[in-house]
Amino acid sequence: MTATRIITDASGRTRRSVARYRLRHGDDERVVGAARFRIGSEQGNDLVLDARGVSRYHAEIVADERGFVVRDLGSTNGTFVGGLRVEGAYLPSGSTRLRLGGCELSVELLEQQQHELETSDAEELAGMVGTSPLMREIFATIERVAPSGATVLVQGESGTGKELVASALHGLSQRSGSLCVFDCAAVPSSLVEAQLFGHERGAFTGASDARAGVFEEADGGTLFLDELGELPLELQPKLLRALETRSVTRIGATRARQVDVRLVAATNRDLAREVNRGSFRADLYYRLAVVELAVPPLRDRREDVRPLAIRFIKDALRHEPGRAAEVIAGVSEDNWQRLEKLPWPGNVRELRNFIERTLVLSDGPRTQDIAVAARRPTPGAPASSSGANAALDLDKPFSDHKADVITDFERAYLFGQLERHDNNISAAARASGLDRMNFKRILKKYR
């Protein structure tokens, strides 16, 4: 198997570090290639295991900046590395054993090579800003895929800019029609079918006139289905049929209407996990994932924080360019580094809101404003990369891993209390059950 990591060499060139793995399952041995390698019992996986206890999409092996990670995809019977059940774990160098349900696999690192990475020369694309190798690789993929008309599945956490990806795909395409956006989570489930596919007059109570759905409105253009993971299960076959036949049938109609629509779908859910849970159809997932684009969270591309913040300052003060220049020049290098180190659980959206808020309340992002931003993760947001729910690094000693988790907790808890009490240290200390001096002593470690 081939897995990849993105690195920058001493000359400044961006390269992809490629690792090849040999997989053994019983008498079956193979060396296979994919940057993201999925294993399960469904035919859509890179390695199909028809064995007892293996879920439809059981696990995947992917690369990050620290190494190669095996991740469980919400399987029923679990993924085990060296006998330990894991949600995510780094693969050690050499050979190791995986167990997926009742199936044993041997994974052996064969070699690593480096290849120059294909990235875009652009550092901005359709409103997206990114100087990091991760974003410039996404820009290159968008530039390559946009003219093709292929269906694209965009995955990423909330606030990463998935709608901007859809806008870029449409803007760089050759389609003359408009970009229509439909948010599957914003419409009551009882109305989704009518708004997607349209209805005839009298098709249901309240349907006083015939109405086209968004598929027809997007004819000749692009339809962006946001939050696709929220689409009711009972409507998924109809969406699949529309994609396969390039036609839609309005509610109450007997005749299908042909549509020429390029579909881009986005979700902050892992659809492979949803397939395992039975809440998303495997056949629809196959059809949507012609091209998959994973938009990275801001914490994985910290070098983009500064150019993004500068863009947001200029946007917020577009009628006061002089003030914008003063604000940008007035942010110290120390404060830029503070901004870059924050976890940003709300990603680019949170950074934009932070910049706009601090500009309203002050002349620019100050130290105290940045400290307040280092708050506890918002409900439902992922933990930071070193948190308790992150991939386990089994090569790291237990005590070191525990120390990382405690550090994350202390930082999030203390700054969360500060935010709740308007930066009043005495009030925050009382609410924490700590005396003021002890609270300040711990807080000093993170300022």
Protein backbone atom coordinates (compact mmCIF):
# COMPACT_ATOMS: atom_id res chain seq x y z
CA MET A 1 0.00 0.00 0.00
CA THR A 2 1.17 3.52 -0.71
CA ALA A 3 0.53 6.27 1.84
CA THR A 4 1.77 9.84 1.72
CA ARG A 5 2.88 12.77 3.83
CA ILE A 6 3.48 16.34 2.70
CA ILE A 7 6.83 17.89 3.67
CA THR A 8 8.86 20.94 2.66
CA ASP A 9 12.56 20.38 2.01
CA ALA A 10 15.46 22.72 2.73
CA SER A 11 15.14 24.34 -0.70
CA GLY A 12 11.52 25.28 0.00
CA ARG A 13 10.10 22.81 -2.51
CA THR A 14 7.01 20.89 -1.47
CA ARG A 15 7.40 17.14 -1.66
CA ARG A 16 5.27 14.13 -0.92
CA SER A 17 6.88 11.48 1.28
CA VAL A 18 5.61 8.15 -0.04
CA ALA A 19 5.56 4.95 2.01
CA ARG A 20 4.80 1.55 0.48
CA TYR A 21 3.26 -1.13 2.68
CA ARG A 22 2.82 -4.85 2.15
CA LEU A 23 -0.45 -6.33 3.40
CA ARG A 24 -0.77 -10.02 4.25
CA HIS A 25 -4.05 -11.76 5.00
CA GLY A 26 -3.60 -15.50 5.40
CA ASP A 27 -2.02 -16.74 2.17
CA ASP A 28 -3.00 -13.57 0.32
CA GLU A 29 -0.15 -11.05 -0.03
CA ARG A 30 -0.26 -7.82 -1.98
CA VAL A 31 1.42 -4.46 -2.36
CA VAL A 32 -1.21 -1.95 -3.37
CA GLY A 33 -1.26 1.81 -3.91
CA ALA A 34 -3.60 4.52 -2.63
CA ALA A 35 -2.94 7.69 -0.66
CA ARG A 36 -6.02 6.93 1.43
CA PHE A 37 -6.58 3.21 1.81
CA ARG A 38 -9.88 1.79 3.08
CA ILE A 39 -10.55 -1.76 4.22
CA GLY A 40 -13.95 -3.41 4.68
CA SER A 41 -16.45 -5.90 3.35
CA GLU A 42 -18.11 -3.59 0.76
CA GLN A 43 -16.91 -3.62 -2.84
CA GLY A 44 -16.15 0.11 -2.68
CA ASN A 45 -13.12 -0.47 -0.43
CA ASP A 46 -9.52 -0.59 -1.63
CA LEU A 47 -9.12 -3.95 0.13
CA VAL A 48 -12.27 -6.08 0.38
CA LEU A 49 -12.32 -8.60 3.24
CA ASP A 50 -15.16 -11.09 3.10
CA ALA A 51 -14.69 -12.28 6.66
CA ARG A 52 -16.79 -12.61 9.78
CA GLY A 53 -16.92 -9.50 11.93
CA VAL A 54 -15.62 -7.09 9.26
CA SER A 55 -17.86 -4.03 8.82
CA ARG A 56 -18.79 -2.60 5.43
CA TYR A 57 -16.28 0.24 5.83
CA HIS A 58 -14.15 -0.98 8.70
CA ALA A 59 -10.90 1.03 8.81
CA GLU A 60 -8.60 3.22 6.77
CA ILE A 61 -4.90 4.05 6.67
CA VAL A 62 -4.09 7.69 5.99
CA ALA A 63 -1.12 10.02 6.38
CA ASP A 64 -0.70 13.12 8.50
CA GLU A 65 2.24 15.35 9.33
CA ARG A 66 3.59 12.88 11.92
CA GLY A 67 3.24 9.53 10.20
CA PHE A 68 0.76 6.94 8.98
CA VAL A 69 -2.40 6.34 10.96
CA VAL A 70 -4.85 3.45 11.01
CA ARG A 71 -8.33 4.74 11.91
CA ASP A 72 -11.42 2.78 12.80
CA LEU A 73 -14.49 3.92 10.83
CA GLY A 74 -17.11 3.19 13.46
CA SER A 75 -16.93 -0.56 12.96
CA THR A 76 -19.05 -2.94 15.01
CA ASN A 77 -16.25 -5.20 16.21
CA GLY A 78 -13.35 -2.78 16.42
CA THR A 79 -9.86 -2.26 15.03
CA PHE A 80 -6.86 -3.58 16.96
CA VAL A 81 -3.18 -2.65 16.61
CA GLY A 82 -0.80 -5.01 18.37
CA GLY A 83 -3.71 -6.38 20.41
CA LEU A 84 -4.95 -2.94 21.59
CA ARG A 85 -8.33 -1.68 20.40
CA VAL A 86 -7.95 1.79 18.94
CA GLU A 87 -9.96 4.58 17.36
CA GLY A 88 -6.73 5.74 15.73
CA ALA A 89 -3.08 4.76 16.10
CA TYR A 90 0.18 5.49 14.32
CA LEU A 91 1.70 2.52 12.55
CA PRO A 92 5.20 1.74 13.83
CA SER A 93 8.04 1.31 11.37
CA GLY A 94 8.71 -2.26 10.32
CA SER A 95 5.94 -4.83 10.66
CA THR A 96 2.83 -4.80 12.83
CA ARG A 97 -0.40 -6.78 13.11
CA LEU A 98 -3.91 -5.42 12.60
CA ARG A 99 -7.10 -7.16 13.59
CA LEU A 100 -10.35 -6.01 11.99
CA GLY A 101 -13.18 -7.85 13.69
CA GLY A 102 -12.16 -11.49 13.38
CA CYS A 103 -9.69 -10.90 10.53
CA GLU A 104 -5.92 -10.75 11.09
CA LEU A 105 -3.69 -8.64 8.83
CA SER A 106 0.06 -8.10 8.75
CA VAL A 107 1.24 -4.64 7.65
CA GLU A 108 4.90 -4.17 6.76
CA LEU A 109 6.65 -0.93 5.79
CA LEU A 110 8.72 -1.60 2.68
CA GLU A 111 10.29 1.73 1.73
CA GLN A 112 9.84 5.48 1.66
CA GLN A 113 10.51 7.76 -1.30
CA GLN A 114 10.00 11.46 -1.95
CA HIS A 115 8.29 12.96 -4.98
CA GLU A 116 7.68 16.60 -5.79
CA LEU A 117 4.07 17.48 -5.00
CA GLU A 118 1.72 18.91 -7.60
CA THR A 119 0.46 22.18 -6.14
CA SER A 120 -1.16 25.28 -7.58
CA ASP A 121 0.82 28.48 -8.01
CA ALA A 122 -2.21 30.35 -6.69
CA GLU A 123 -2.41 31.39 -3.04
CA GLU A 124 -6.02 32.53 -3.44
CA LEU A 125 -8.81 30.82 -5.32
CA ALA A 126 -12.48 31.87 -5.47
CA GLY A 127 -12.35 33.52 -2.05
CA MET A 128 -10.21 30.80 -0.46
CA VAL A 129 -6.84 31.84 0.94
CA GLY A 130 -4.04 29.38 1.52
CA THR A 131 -0.26 29.39 1.30
CA SER A 132 0.11 25.98 2.95
CA PRO A 133 1.00 22.91 0.87
CA LEU A 134 -2.31 21.32 1.92
CA MET A 135 -4.40 24.15 0.48
CA ARG A 136 -2.27 24.61 -2.61
CA GLU A 137 -2.71 20.90 -3.34
CA ILE A 138 -6.49 21.37 -3.02
CA PHE A 139 -6.31 24.37 -5.36
CA ALA A 140 -4.45 22.21 -7.89
CA THR A 141 -7.10 19.48 -7.62
CA ILE A 142 -9.91 22.01 -8.10
CA GLU A 143 -8.19 23.48 -11.16
CA ARG A 144 -7.78 20.00 -12.63
CA VAL A 145 -11.26 18.67 -11.79
CA ALA A 146 -13.43 21.75 -12.42
CA PRO A 147 -13.58 21.51 -16.25
CA SER A 148 -14.42 17.79 -16.18
CA GLY A 149 -17.99 17.93 -14.90
CA ALA A 150 -17.35 15.01 -12.53
CA THR A 151 -19.40 14.66 -9.35
CA VAL A 152 -17.38 15.85 -6.35
CA LEU A 153 -17.81 14.97 -2.67
CA VAL A 154 -16.31 17.64 -0.39
CA GLN A 155 -15.68 16.54 3.19
CA GLY A 156 -14.45 18.61 6.09
CA GLU A 157 -15.34 20.01 9.49
CA SER A 158 -17.80 22.87 9.90
CA GLY A 159 -16.29 26.23 9.04
CA THR A 160 -13.53 24.98 6.73
CA GLY A 161 -14.98 26.57 3.58
CA LYS A 162 -16.68 23.72 1.73
CA GLU A 163 -19.12 26.08 -0.03
CA LEU A 164 -16.17 28.07 -1.38
CA VAL A 165 -14.81 24.85 -2.88
CA ALA A 166 -18.14 24.34 -4.66
CA SER A 167 -18.07 27.93 -5.88
CA ALA A 168 -14.55 27.46 -7.24
CA LEU A 169 -15.50 24.21 -9.00
CA HIS A 170 -18.41 25.99 -10.68
CA GLY A 171 -16.52 29.17 -11.49
CA LEU A 172 -13.67 27.30 -13.17
CA SER A 173 -16.01 25.00 -15.09
CA GLN A 174 -17.39 25.56 -18.57
CA ARG A 175 -21.01 25.43 -17.43
CA SER A 176 -23.14 28.40 -18.48
CA GLY A 177 -25.90 27.91 -15.90
CA SER A 178 -25.97 29.15 -12.33
CA LEU A 179 -24.69 27.69 -9.07
CA CYS A 180 -27.69 26.65 -6.96
CA VAL A 181 -27.22 25.89 -3.27
CA PHE A 182 -29.45 23.59 -1.24
CA ASP A 183 -28.78 23.01 2.47
CA CYS A 184 -30.18 19.60 3.41
CA ALA A 185 -30.02 20.48 7.12
CA ALA A 186 -31.91 23.77 6.82
CA VAL A 187 -35.14 22.37 5.36
CA PRO A 188 -37.70 20.29 7.33
CA SER A 189 -37.47 16.65 6.25
CA SER A 190 -41.11 16.73 5.07
CA LEU A 191 -40.25 19.45 2.51
CA VAL A 192 -36.89 18.20 1.23
CA GLU A 193 -38.31 16.07 -1.60
CA ALA A 194 -40.51 18.88 -2.96
CA GLN A 195 -37.69 21.42 -2.86
CA LEU A 196 -35.17 19.07 -4.46
CA PHE A 197 -37.32 17.60 -7.22
CA GLY A 198 -40.29 19.99 -7.49
CA HIS A 199 -44.03 19.29 -7.46
CA GLU A 200 -47.12 19.63 -9.61
CA ARG A 201 -50.19 21.65 -8.69
CA GLY A 202 -52.36 19.76 -6.22
CA ALA A 203 -49.68 17.15 -5.51
CA PHE A 204 -50.22 17.64 -1.77
CA THR A 205 -52.09 19.93 0.59
CA GLY A 206 -50.91 23.49 0.03
CA ALA A 207 -49.45 22.86 -3.45
CA SER A 208 -51.59 25.52 -5.14
CA ASP A 209 -49.12 25.96 -8.00
CA ALA A 210 -46.59 23.80 -9.80
CA ARG A 211 -43.01 24.47 -8.80
CA ALA A 212 -39.61 23.44 -10.12
CA GLY A 213 -37.12 21.95 -7.69
CA VAL A 214 -33.48 22.94 -7.34
CA PHE A 215 -32.41 20.23 -9.79
CA GLU A 216 -34.38 21.97 -12.54
CA GLU A 217 -33.23 25.41 -11.41
CA ALA A 218 -29.62 24.24 -11.72
CA ASP A 219 -30.13 22.86 -15.25
CA GLY A 220 -27.04 23.75 -17.26
CA GLY A 221 -25.16 24.71 -14.11
CA THR A 222 -24.02 23.26 -10.79
CA LEU A 223 -26.08 22.06 -7.84
CA PHE A 224 -24.35 22.25 -4.47
CA LEU A 225 -25.95 19.99 -1.86
CA ASP A 226 -24.63 21.14 1.51
CA GLU A 227 -24.84 18.95 4.64
CA LEU A 228 -25.63 15.93 2.49
CA GLY A 229 -25.26 13.63 5.50
CA GLU A 230 -28.57 15.05 6.78
CA LEU A 231 -30.53 13.86 3.74
CA PRO A 232 -33.33 11.53 4.93
CA LEU A 233 -32.59 7.88 4.19
CA GLU A 234 -35.89 7.41 2.35
CA LEU A 235 -34.96 10.12 -0.20
CA GLN A 236 -31.50 8.77 -0.96
CA PRO A 237 -32.70 6.27 -3.63
CA LYS A 238 -34.46 9.11 -5.48
CA LEU A 239 -31.29 11.21 -5.43
CA LEU A 240 -29.29 8.24 -6.70
CA ARG A 241 -31.81 7.71 -9.50
CA ALA A 242 -31.59 11.39 -10.49
CA LEU A 243 -27.80 11.13 -10.71
CA GLU A 244 -27.89 7.89 -12.70
CA THR A 245 -30.60 8.91 -15.19
CA ARG A 246 -29.92 12.67 -15.28
CA SER A 247 -33.64 13.22 -14.83
CA VAL A 248 -36.09 14.15 -12.08
CA THR A 249 -39.77 13.47 -11.56
CA ARG A 250 -41.77 16.12 -9.73
CA ILE A 251 -44.09 14.99 -6.94
CA GLY A 252 -47.45 14.28 -8.56
CA ALA A 253 -46.01 14.02 -12.08
CA THR A 254 -45.99 10.98 -14.34
CA ARG A 255 -43.22 12.14 -16.65
CA ALA A 256 -39.53 12.59 -15.88
CA ARG A 257 -37.73 15.77 -16.93
CA GLN A 258 -34.17 15.61 -18.24
CA VAL A 259 -31.65 17.84 -16.45
CA ASP A 260 -28.03 18.67 -17.19
CA VAL A 261 -26.63 19.23 -13.71
CA ARG A 262 -23.14 18.94 -12.27
CA LEU A 263 -23.45 17.86 -8.62
CA VAL A 264 -21.12 18.92 -5.82
CA ALA A 265 -22.03 17.58 -2.37
CA ALA A 266 -20.55 18.49 1.00
CA THR A 267 -20.73 17.03 4.48
CA ASN A 268 -18.99 17.35 7.82
CA ARG A 269 -19.81 13.70 8.52
CA ASP A 270 -17.68 10.70 7.64
CA LEU A 271 -20.02 9.03 5.17
CA ALA A 272 -18.15 5.72 5.41
CA ARG A 273 -19.10 5.65 9.11
CA GLU A 274 -22.67 6.55 8.22
CA VAL A 275 -22.77 3.62 5.78
CA ASN A 276 -21.65 1.32 8.61
CA ARG A 277 -24.42 2.68 10.83
CA GLY A 278 -27.03 2.16 8.13
CA SER A 279 -27.92 5.87 7.93
CA PHE A 280 -26.43 6.40 4.46
CA ARG A 281 -26.74 4.17 1.41
CA ALA A 282 -23.54 2.55 0.17
CA ASP A 283 -24.60 2.79 -3.50
CA LEU A 284 -25.23 6.53 -3.22
CA TYR A 285 -21.87 6.97 -1.50
CA TYR A 286 -20.12 5.20 -4.41
CA ARG A 287 -21.92 7.43 -6.91
CA LEU A 288 -21.07 10.66 -5.11
CA ALA A 289 -17.42 9.92 -4.41
CA VAL A 290 -16.24 10.09 -8.03
CA VAL A 291 -13.79 12.73 -6.78
CA GLU A 292 -13.30 13.23 -3.04
CA LEU A 293 -11.87 16.47 -1.67
CA ALA A 294 -11.00 16.68 2.03
CA VAL A 295 -10.72 20.27 3.24
CA PRO A 296 -8.28 20.30 6.19
CA PRO A 297 -9.14 21.96 9.50
CA LEU A 298 -7.32 25.19 10.31
CA ARG A 299 -5.28 23.52 13.07
CA ASP A 300 -3.62 21.35 10.39
CA ARG A 301 -2.54 24.36 8.31
CA ARG A 302 -1.49 26.93 10.86
CA GLU A 303 0.62 28.83 8.32
CA ASP A 304 -2.66 29.93 6.72
CA VAL A 305 -3.88 31.73 9.86
CA ARG A 306 -1.92 34.93 9.19
CA PRO A 307 -2.89 35.43 5.51
CA LEU A 308 -6.50 34.58 6.36
CA ALA A 309 -6.56 37.07 9.24
CA ILE A 310 -5.06 39.78 7.02
CA ARG A 311 -7.72 39.10 4.39
CA PHE A 312 -10.50 39.32 7.03
CA ILE A 313 -9.10 42.59 8.40
CA LYS A 314 -9.05 44.09 4.90
CA ASP A 315 -12.57 42.81 4.18
CA ALA A 316 -13.97 44.18 7.45
CA LEU A 317 -12.30 47.58 6.89
CA ARG A 318 -12.73 47.74 3.10
CA HIS A 319 -14.09 51.30 3.40
CA GLU A 320 -11.16 52.30 5.65
CA PRO A 321 -8.03 50.99 3.90
CA GLY A 322 -5.79 53.28 5.90
CA ARG A 323 -7.05 51.90 9.19
CA ALA A 324 -6.75 48.34 7.87
CA ALA A 325 -3.07 48.90 7.09
CA GLU A 326 -2.49 50.35 10.57
CA VAL A 327 -4.21 47.42 12.26
CA ILE A 328 -2.20 44.85 10.30
CA ALA A 329 1.07 46.67 10.98
CA GLY A 330 0.17 46.93 14.66
CA VAL A 331 -0.18 43.19 15.27
CA SER A 332 3.05 42.05 16.88
CA GLU A 333 4.91 38.93 15.80
CA ASP A 334 4.17 37.48 19.24
CA ASN A 335 0.44 37.94 18.68
CA TRP A 336 0.62 36.42 15.21
CA GLN A 337 2.25 33.37 16.75
CA ARG A 338 -0.42 33.25 19.46
CA LEU A 339 -3.12 33.25 16.80
CA GLU A 340 -1.38 30.46 14.91
CA LYS A 341 -1.14 28.27 18.02
CA LEU A 342 -4.84 28.45 18.93
CA PRO A 343 -6.90 25.31 18.18
CA TRP A 344 -9.67 27.14 16.23
CA PRO A 345 -12.32 24.43 16.64
CA GLY A 346 -14.66 26.50 14.47
CA ASN A 347 -11.97 26.72 11.78
CA VAL A 348 -11.91 29.57 9.24
CA ARG A 349 -15.40 30.75 10.22
CA GLU A 350 -14.31 31.15 13.84
CA LEU A 351 -11.16 33.05 12.84
CA ARG A 352 -13.22 35.43 10.70
CA ASN A 353 -15.72 36.02 13.51
CA PHE A 354 -12.86 36.63 15.96
CA ILE A 355 -11.27 39.23 13.68
CA GLU A 356 -14.57 41.03 13.09
CA ARG A 357 -15.43 41.01 16.80
CA THR A 358 -12.07 42.37 17.94
CA LEU A 359 -12.14 45.08 15.28
CA VAL A 360 -15.52 46.24 16.59
CA LEU A 361 -14.35 46.21 20.20
CA SER A 362 -10.79 47.50 19.72
CA ASP A 363 -8.24 48.71 17.17
CA GLY A 364 -7.06 45.20 16.35
CA PRO A 365 -6.33 41.76 17.76
CA ARG A 366 -4.63 42.41 21.11
CA THR A 367 -3.00 39.99 23.54
CA GLN A 368 -6.03 39.94 25.83
CA ASP A 369 -8.39 39.39 22.89
CA ILE A 370 -6.29 36.47 21.69
CA ALA A 371 -6.22 34.97 25.18
CA VAL A 372 -10.00 35.03 25.30
CA ALA A 373 -10.12 33.27 21.92
CA ALA A 374 -8.24 30.31 23.42
CA ARG A 375 -11.45 29.03 24.92
CA ARG A 376 -12.89 25.58 25.32
CA PRO A 377 -13.87 23.86 22.07
CA THR A 378 -17.45 24.54 21.03
CA PRO A 379 -19.97 21.70 21.55
CA GLY A 380 -19.55 19.05 18.90
CA ALA A 381 -16.20 20.41 17.74
CA PRO A 382 -13.29 18.00 17.44
CA ALA A 383 -10.55 17.92 20.01
CA SER A 384 -7.17 19.39 19.14
CA SER A 385 -4.64 17.08 17.58
CA SER A 386 -3.00 16.22 20.88
CA GLY A 387 -6.26 15.79 22.81
CA ALA A 388 -7.78 12.70 24.32
CA ASN A 389 -9.77 11.82 21.21
CA ALA A 390 -6.88 12.26 18.79
CA ALA A 391 -5.05 9.35 17.20
CA LEU A 392 -2.99 7.48 19.76
CA ASP A 393 0.75 7.58 19.18
CA LEU A 394 1.70 4.14 20.44
CA ASP A 395 5.40 4.96 20.05
CA LYS A 396 5.04 7.74 22.65
CA PRO A 397 5.39 6.81 26.35
CA PHE A 398 2.19 6.71 28.42
CA SER A 399 3.35 9.52 30.71
CA ASP A 400 4.08 11.85 27.78
CA HIS A 401 0.67 11.21 26.20
CA LYS A 402 -1.05 11.79 29.55
CA ALA A 403 0.85 15.06 30.00
CA ASP A 404 -0.34 16.28 26.59
CA VAL A 405 -3.98 15.59 27.50
CA ILE A 406 -3.63 17.38 30.85
CA THR A 407 -2.03 20.37 29.11
CA ASP A 408 -4.91 20.63 26.64
CA PHE A 409 -7.46 20.41 29.46
CA GLU A 410 -5.76 23.06 31.61
CA ARG A 411 -5.46 25.52 28.74
CA ALA A 412 -9.05 25.07 27.56
CA TYR A 413 -10.52 25.16 31.08
CA LEU A 414 -8.67 28.24 32.33
CA PHE A 415 -9.24 30.35 29.22
CA GLY A 416 -12.84 29.18 29.15
CA GLN A 417 -13.35 30.48 32.70
CA LEU A 418 -11.65 33.74 31.75
CA GLU A 419 -14.00 34.20 28.83
CA ARG A 420 -17.05 33.43 30.97
CA HIS A 421 -15.99 36.03 33.54
CA ASP A 422 -14.92 38.80 31.12
CA ASN A 423 -11.20 38.31 31.81
CA ASN A 424 -11.67 38.86 35.57
CA ILE A 425 -9.01 36.59 37.09
CA SER A 426 -10.44 36.74 40.63
CA ALA A 427 -13.92 35.71 39.47
CA ALA A 428 -12.52 33.00 37.19
CA ALA A 429 -10.39 31.62 40.03
CA ARG A 430 -13.38 31.50 42.42
CA ALA A 431 -15.49 29.66 39.83
CA SER A 432 -12.64 27.19 39.32
CA GLY A 433 -12.29 26.44 43.02
CA LEU A 434 -8.69 27.69 42.95
CA ASP A 435 -7.09 30.52 44.89
CA ARG A 436 -6.12 33.51 42.78
CA MET A 437 -2.34 32.96 42.97
CA ASN A 438 -2.61 29.30 41.96
CA PHE A 439 -4.92 30.20 39.07
CA LYS A 440 -2.43 32.83 37.84
CA ARG A 441 0.50 30.42 38.25
CA ILE A 442 -1.13 27.79 36.01
CA LEU A 443 -2.38 30.43 33.57
CA LYS A 444 1.14 31.84 33.18
CA LYS A 445 2.26 28.59 31.52
CA TYR A 446 -0.03 29.28 28.55
CA ARG A 447 0.52 33.01 28.04
